[in-house]
Every structure is written in structure tokens, then in C-alpha cells.
Amino acid sequence: MKRICSIYKSPRKNEMYLYVLKAEGLERVPEGLLPVFGTPVHAFDLVLTPERKLAREDIAKVLENLDNQGYHLQMPPLEDEYIEHLPEELLRRNDPV
């Protein structure tokens, strides 16, 4: 099952993305989601297949959400995920205890 998907980024939340079927656009996205997401900014289009790898999302879940609800919302990573990827020298405190 191949899906042509449009991906929008949120102007309000860094690294929050909305996946929709390109043919449907934003028509199936719930009205209540858009005030939180902000006005969607088109980032790019992508062909999704079950074999495709995505950096931070499970492709099976994305495809399932697109089929069942008409959109998939990719949330930003938790702050802890940002912290654990910082270089070790930034995690150490430099001031005396």
C-alpha cells in the first residue's frame, strides 16, 4: 500500500509535524487540532510504503492513522531525549559545588 503524503510543520511547536494524504489535504484534520498546531506550513511531500523507514515514527502506525483517521500527528521529542543527546561536557556543571 503506497500513499502519497503531504507533511506540514507547526509554526507553534518545533519538530511537530502533521502527515495527511496529499489527495485529501487537510480536510480530515479535526478543527480542534489546528488551534493547537497553528496554521500548517507545507514542508514537503513524500511517498510512504510499509518498507520505508522514518527517522522518528513507526511507518506502520503512520499508515494506519492515515487510513483510519486521515492524518498522523508527529509530536516533538520529549525534553529528556534532547538532553541525553547533548555532548557530555555540556551536561557537566562547571561551577564548584
N, C-alpha and C. Protein backbone atom coordinates (compact mmCIF):
# COMPACT_ATOMS: atom_id res chain seq x y z
N MET A 1 0.83 -1.18 0.00
CA MET A 1 0.00 0.00 0.00
C MET A 1 0.88 1.24 0.00
N LYS A 2 0.84 1.95 -1.08
CA LYS A 2 1.63 3.16 -1.26
C LYS A 2 0.73 4.37 -1.05
N ARG A 3 1.21 5.34 -0.29
CA ARG A 3 0.45 6.56 -0.01
C ARG A 3 1.32 7.77 -0.34
N ILE A 4 0.73 8.73 -1.05
CA ILE A 4 1.41 9.99 -1.28
C ILE A 4 0.92 10.94 -0.19
N CYS A 5 1.87 11.42 0.57
CA CYS A 5 1.57 12.15 1.80
C CYS A 5 2.16 13.56 1.73
N SER A 6 1.39 14.52 2.24
CA SER A 6 1.92 15.87 2.43
C SER A 6 2.23 16.03 3.91
N ILE A 7 3.36 16.62 4.19
CA ILE A 7 3.79 16.80 5.58
C ILE A 7 3.88 18.29 5.86
N TYR A 8 3.21 18.69 6.95
CA TYR A 8 3.16 20.08 7.36
C TYR A 8 3.86 20.23 8.70
N LYS A 9 4.56 21.35 8.87
CA LYS A 9 5.18 21.62 10.16
C LYS A 9 4.36 22.65 10.91
N SER A 10 4.45 22.57 12.21
CA SER A 10 3.72 23.51 13.06
C SER A 10 4.54 24.78 13.24
N PRO A 11 3.90 25.93 13.11
CA PRO A 11 4.62 27.17 13.39
C PRO A 11 4.71 27.45 14.90
N ARG A 12 3.98 26.67 15.70
CA ARG A 12 3.95 26.89 17.15
C ARG A 12 4.85 25.97 17.94
N LYS A 13 5.03 24.75 17.46
CA LYS A 13 5.82 23.75 18.19
C LYS A 13 6.93 23.24 17.29
N ASN A 14 8.16 23.45 17.70
CA ASN A 14 9.31 22.96 16.96
C ASN A 14 9.25 21.43 16.89
N GLU A 15 9.47 20.88 15.73
CA GLU A 15 9.52 19.44 15.47
C GLU A 15 8.16 18.74 15.63
N MET A 16 7.07 19.47 15.51
CA MET A 16 5.74 18.86 15.45
C MET A 16 5.30 18.88 13.98
N TYR A 17 4.90 17.71 13.48
CA TYR A 17 4.53 17.58 12.08
C TYR A 17 3.18 16.90 11.94
N LEU A 18 2.47 17.26 10.88
CA LEU A 18 1.17 16.70 10.57
C LEU A 18 1.27 16.03 9.20
N TYR A 19 0.99 14.72 9.16
CA TYR A 19 1.01 13.95 7.92
C TYR A 19 -0.44 13.81 7.44
N VAL A 20 -0.70 14.11 6.17
CA VAL A 20 -2.02 13.91 5.59
C VAL A 20 -1.86 13.30 4.20
N LEU A 21 -2.91 12.65 3.72
CA LEU A 21 -2.89 12.16 2.35
C LEU A 21 -2.95 13.36 1.42
N LYS A 22 -2.06 13.41 0.45
CA LYS A 22 -1.98 14.58 -0.43
C LYS A 22 -3.30 14.84 -1.14
N ALA A 23 -3.97 13.79 -1.58
CA ALA A 23 -5.22 13.94 -2.32
C ALA A 23 -6.33 14.56 -1.46
N GLU A 24 -6.27 14.35 -0.15
CA GLU A 24 -7.31 14.86 0.75
C GLU A 24 -6.93 16.19 1.40
N GLY A 25 -5.66 16.48 1.43
CA GLY A 25 -5.21 17.70 2.09
C GLY A 25 -5.58 17.69 3.57
N LEU A 26 -5.99 18.81 4.06
CA LEU A 26 -6.29 18.98 5.49
C LEU A 26 -7.76 18.72 5.82
N GLU A 27 -8.55 18.26 4.87
CA GLU A 27 -9.99 18.15 5.09
C GLU A 27 -10.41 17.20 6.20
N ARG A 28 -9.62 16.18 6.53
CA ARG A 28 -9.99 15.24 7.59
C ARG A 28 -9.34 15.55 8.94
N VAL A 29 -8.55 16.61 8.99
CA VAL A 29 -7.91 17.01 10.25
C VAL A 29 -8.97 17.67 11.13
N PRO A 30 -9.13 17.22 12.38
CA PRO A 30 -10.15 17.81 13.25
C PRO A 30 -9.91 19.30 13.49
N GLU A 31 -11.00 20.06 13.52
CA GLU A 31 -10.90 21.51 13.75
C GLU A 31 -10.22 21.83 15.07
N GLY A 32 -10.43 21.01 16.09
CA GLY A 32 -9.85 21.26 17.39
C GLY A 32 -8.34 21.12 17.43
N LEU A 33 -7.76 20.43 16.47
CA LEU A 33 -6.31 20.23 16.44
C LEU A 33 -5.59 21.47 15.91
N LEU A 34 -6.19 22.14 14.95
CA LEU A 34 -5.49 23.24 14.28
C LEU A 34 -5.18 24.44 15.18
N PRO A 35 -6.03 24.82 16.14
CA PRO A 35 -5.64 25.93 17.03
C PRO A 35 -4.39 25.61 17.86
N VAL A 36 -4.21 24.35 18.21
CA VAL A 36 -3.02 23.94 18.98
C VAL A 36 -1.82 23.84 18.05
N PHE A 37 -2.02 23.27 16.87
CA PHE A 37 -0.95 23.05 15.90
C PHE A 37 -0.50 24.37 15.28
N GLY A 38 -1.45 25.28 15.05
CA GLY A 38 -1.16 26.51 14.33
C GLY A 38 -1.50 26.34 12.86
N THR A 39 -1.35 27.38 12.08
CA THR A 39 -1.60 27.29 10.65
C THR A 39 -0.54 26.41 10.02
N PRO A 40 -0.94 25.25 9.45
CA PRO A 40 0.04 24.32 8.90
C PRO A 40 0.89 24.96 7.79
N VAL A 41 2.19 24.70 7.86
CA VAL A 41 3.13 25.18 6.86
C VAL A 41 3.63 23.96 6.09
N HIS A 42 3.34 23.92 4.78
CA HIS A 42 3.74 22.76 3.97
C HIS A 42 5.25 22.63 3.97
N ALA A 43 5.73 21.46 4.39
CA ALA A 43 7.18 21.20 4.42
C ALA A 43 7.62 20.46 3.17
N PHE A 44 6.95 19.33 2.87
CA PHE A 44 7.30 18.54 1.69
C PHE A 44 6.27 17.44 1.49
N ASP A 45 6.34 16.78 0.32
CA ASP A 45 5.52 15.62 0.02
C ASP A 45 6.43 14.41 0.01
N LEU A 46 5.84 13.25 0.33
CA LEU A 46 6.63 12.04 0.49
C LEU A 46 5.78 10.84 0.10
N VAL A 47 6.38 9.88 -0.58
CA VAL A 47 5.70 8.61 -0.87
C VAL A 47 5.99 7.67 0.29
N LEU A 48 4.93 7.19 0.93
CA LEU A 48 5.08 6.27 2.06
C LEU A 48 4.68 4.86 1.65
N THR A 49 5.52 3.90 1.99
CA THR A 49 5.24 2.48 1.78
C THR A 49 5.59 1.77 3.09
N PRO A 50 5.06 0.57 3.30
CA PRO A 50 5.39 -0.15 4.54
C PRO A 50 6.89 -0.41 4.72
N GLU A 51 7.63 -0.45 3.62
CA GLU A 51 9.08 -0.72 3.68
C GLU A 51 9.91 0.52 4.01
N ARG A 52 9.33 1.68 3.86
CA ARG A 52 10.08 2.92 4.08
C ARG A 52 10.40 3.10 5.56
N LYS A 53 11.56 3.61 5.85
CA LYS A 53 11.96 3.93 7.22
C LYS A 53 11.77 5.43 7.45
N LEU A 54 11.24 5.76 8.61
CA LEU A 54 11.11 7.15 9.02
C LEU A 54 12.01 7.37 10.23
N ALA A 55 12.56 8.56 10.36
CA ALA A 55 13.53 8.84 11.42
C ALA A 55 12.95 8.67 12.82
N ARG A 56 11.74 9.20 13.07
CA ARG A 56 11.22 9.18 14.43
C ARG A 56 9.84 8.55 14.56
N GLU A 57 9.31 8.04 13.49
CA GLU A 57 7.96 7.48 13.53
C GLU A 57 7.94 6.05 13.03
N ASP A 58 6.98 5.29 13.53
CA ASP A 58 6.75 3.92 13.09
C ASP A 58 5.89 3.99 11.82
N ILE A 59 6.44 3.57 10.69
CA ILE A 59 5.75 3.69 9.42
C ILE A 59 4.40 2.97 9.44
N ALA A 60 4.31 1.83 10.11
CA ALA A 60 3.04 1.10 10.18
C ALA A 60 1.98 1.93 10.88
N LYS A 61 2.35 2.60 11.96
CA LYS A 61 1.41 3.45 12.71
C LYS A 61 1.00 4.67 11.89
N VAL A 62 1.94 5.27 11.17
CA VAL A 62 1.63 6.42 10.32
C VAL A 62 0.61 6.02 9.26
N LEU A 63 0.88 4.91 8.56
CA LEU A 63 -0.03 4.44 7.51
C LEU A 63 -1.41 4.08 8.08
N GLU A 64 -1.42 3.45 9.24
CA GLU A 64 -2.69 3.09 9.89
C GLU A 64 -3.49 4.35 10.24
N ASN A 65 -2.82 5.35 10.80
CA ASN A 65 -3.51 6.60 11.15
C ASN A 65 -4.02 7.33 9.91
N LEU A 66 -3.24 7.32 8.85
CA LEU A 66 -3.69 7.97 7.61
C LEU A 66 -4.94 7.29 7.07
N ASP A 67 -4.97 5.96 7.11
CA ASP A 67 -6.14 5.23 6.61
C ASP A 67 -7.35 5.40 7.52
N ASN A 68 -7.15 5.30 8.83
CA ASN A 68 -8.28 5.29 9.77
C ASN A 68 -8.81 6.67 10.12
N GLN A 69 -7.91 7.66 10.28
CA GLN A 69 -8.38 8.96 10.72
C GLN A 69 -8.08 10.09 9.75
N GLY A 70 -7.27 9.80 8.73
CA GLY A 70 -6.99 10.81 7.71
C GLY A 70 -5.80 11.71 8.00
N TYR A 71 -5.12 11.48 9.12
CA TYR A 71 -3.94 12.27 9.45
C TYR A 71 -3.10 11.50 10.48
N HIS A 72 -1.86 11.93 10.62
CA HIS A 72 -0.98 11.43 11.67
C HIS A 72 -0.24 12.63 12.24
N LEU A 73 -0.25 12.76 13.56
CA LEU A 73 0.42 13.86 14.23
C LEU A 73 1.72 13.36 14.84
N GLN A 74 2.85 13.93 14.40
CA GLN A 74 4.16 13.60 14.98
C GLN A 74 4.48 14.64 16.02
N MET A 75 4.56 14.19 17.26
CA MET A 75 4.85 15.08 18.37
C MET A 75 6.35 15.34 18.46
N PRO A 76 6.74 16.49 19.03
CA PRO A 76 8.17 16.76 19.22
C PRO A 76 8.73 15.78 20.25
N PRO A 77 10.04 15.52 20.18
CA PRO A 77 10.64 14.63 21.18
C PRO A 77 10.53 15.24 22.57
N LEU A 78 10.51 14.41 23.57
CA LEU A 78 10.49 14.88 24.95
C LEU A 78 11.79 15.60 25.26
N GLU A 79 11.75 16.50 26.22
CA GLU A 79 12.96 17.25 26.57
C GLU A 79 14.07 16.32 27.03
N ASP A 80 13.73 15.22 27.70
CA ASP A 80 14.74 14.26 28.14
C ASP A 80 15.51 13.70 26.96
N GLU A 81 14.83 13.50 25.82
CA GLU A 81 15.51 12.99 24.63
C GLU A 81 16.53 14.00 24.13
N TYR A 82 16.20 15.29 24.20
CA TYR A 82 17.17 16.31 23.80
C TYR A 82 18.39 16.25 24.71
N ILE A 83 18.16 16.17 26.00
CA ILE A 83 19.24 16.20 26.98
C ILE A 83 20.17 15.01 26.82
N GLU A 84 19.63 13.82 26.61
CA GLU A 84 20.51 12.65 26.53
C GLU A 84 21.39 12.65 25.28
N HIS A 85 21.08 13.53 24.30
CA HIS A 85 21.91 13.61 23.11
C HIS A 85 22.89 14.78 23.13
N LEU A 86 22.91 15.52 24.23
CA LEU A 86 23.87 16.60 24.35
C LEU A 86 25.26 16.03 24.62
N PRO A 87 26.29 16.72 24.14
CA PRO A 87 27.64 16.26 24.45
C PRO A 87 27.88 16.23 25.96
N GLU A 88 28.65 15.30 26.42
CA GLU A 88 28.90 15.10 27.85
C GLU A 88 29.40 16.37 28.54
N GLU A 89 30.24 17.15 27.87
CA GLU A 89 30.79 18.35 28.51
C GLU A 89 29.71 19.40 28.79
N LEU A 90 28.62 19.39 28.03
CA LEU A 90 27.53 20.32 28.29
C LEU A 90 26.65 19.86 29.45
N LEU A 91 26.67 18.57 29.74
CA LEU A 91 25.86 18.03 30.83
C LEU A 91 26.53 18.21 32.19
N ARG A 92 27.87 18.35 32.20
CA ARG A 92 28.60 18.54 33.46
C ARG A 92 28.51 19.99 33.89
N ARG A 93 28.42 20.20 35.16
CA ARG A 93 28.43 21.57 35.68
C ARG A 93 29.86 22.02 35.84
N ASN A 94 30.12 23.24 35.45
CA ASN A 94 31.48 23.78 35.55
C ASN A 94 31.73 24.56 36.82
N ASP A 95 30.65 24.93 37.52
CA ASP A 95 30.86 25.71 38.73
C ASP A 95 31.13 24.78 39.93
N PRO A 96 31.93 25.25 40.90
CA PRO A 96 32.24 24.42 42.06
C PRO A 96 30.99 24.17 42.91
N VAL A 97 30.95 23.02 43.52
CA VAL A 97 29.82 22.65 44.37
C VAL A 97 30.08 22.98 45.79
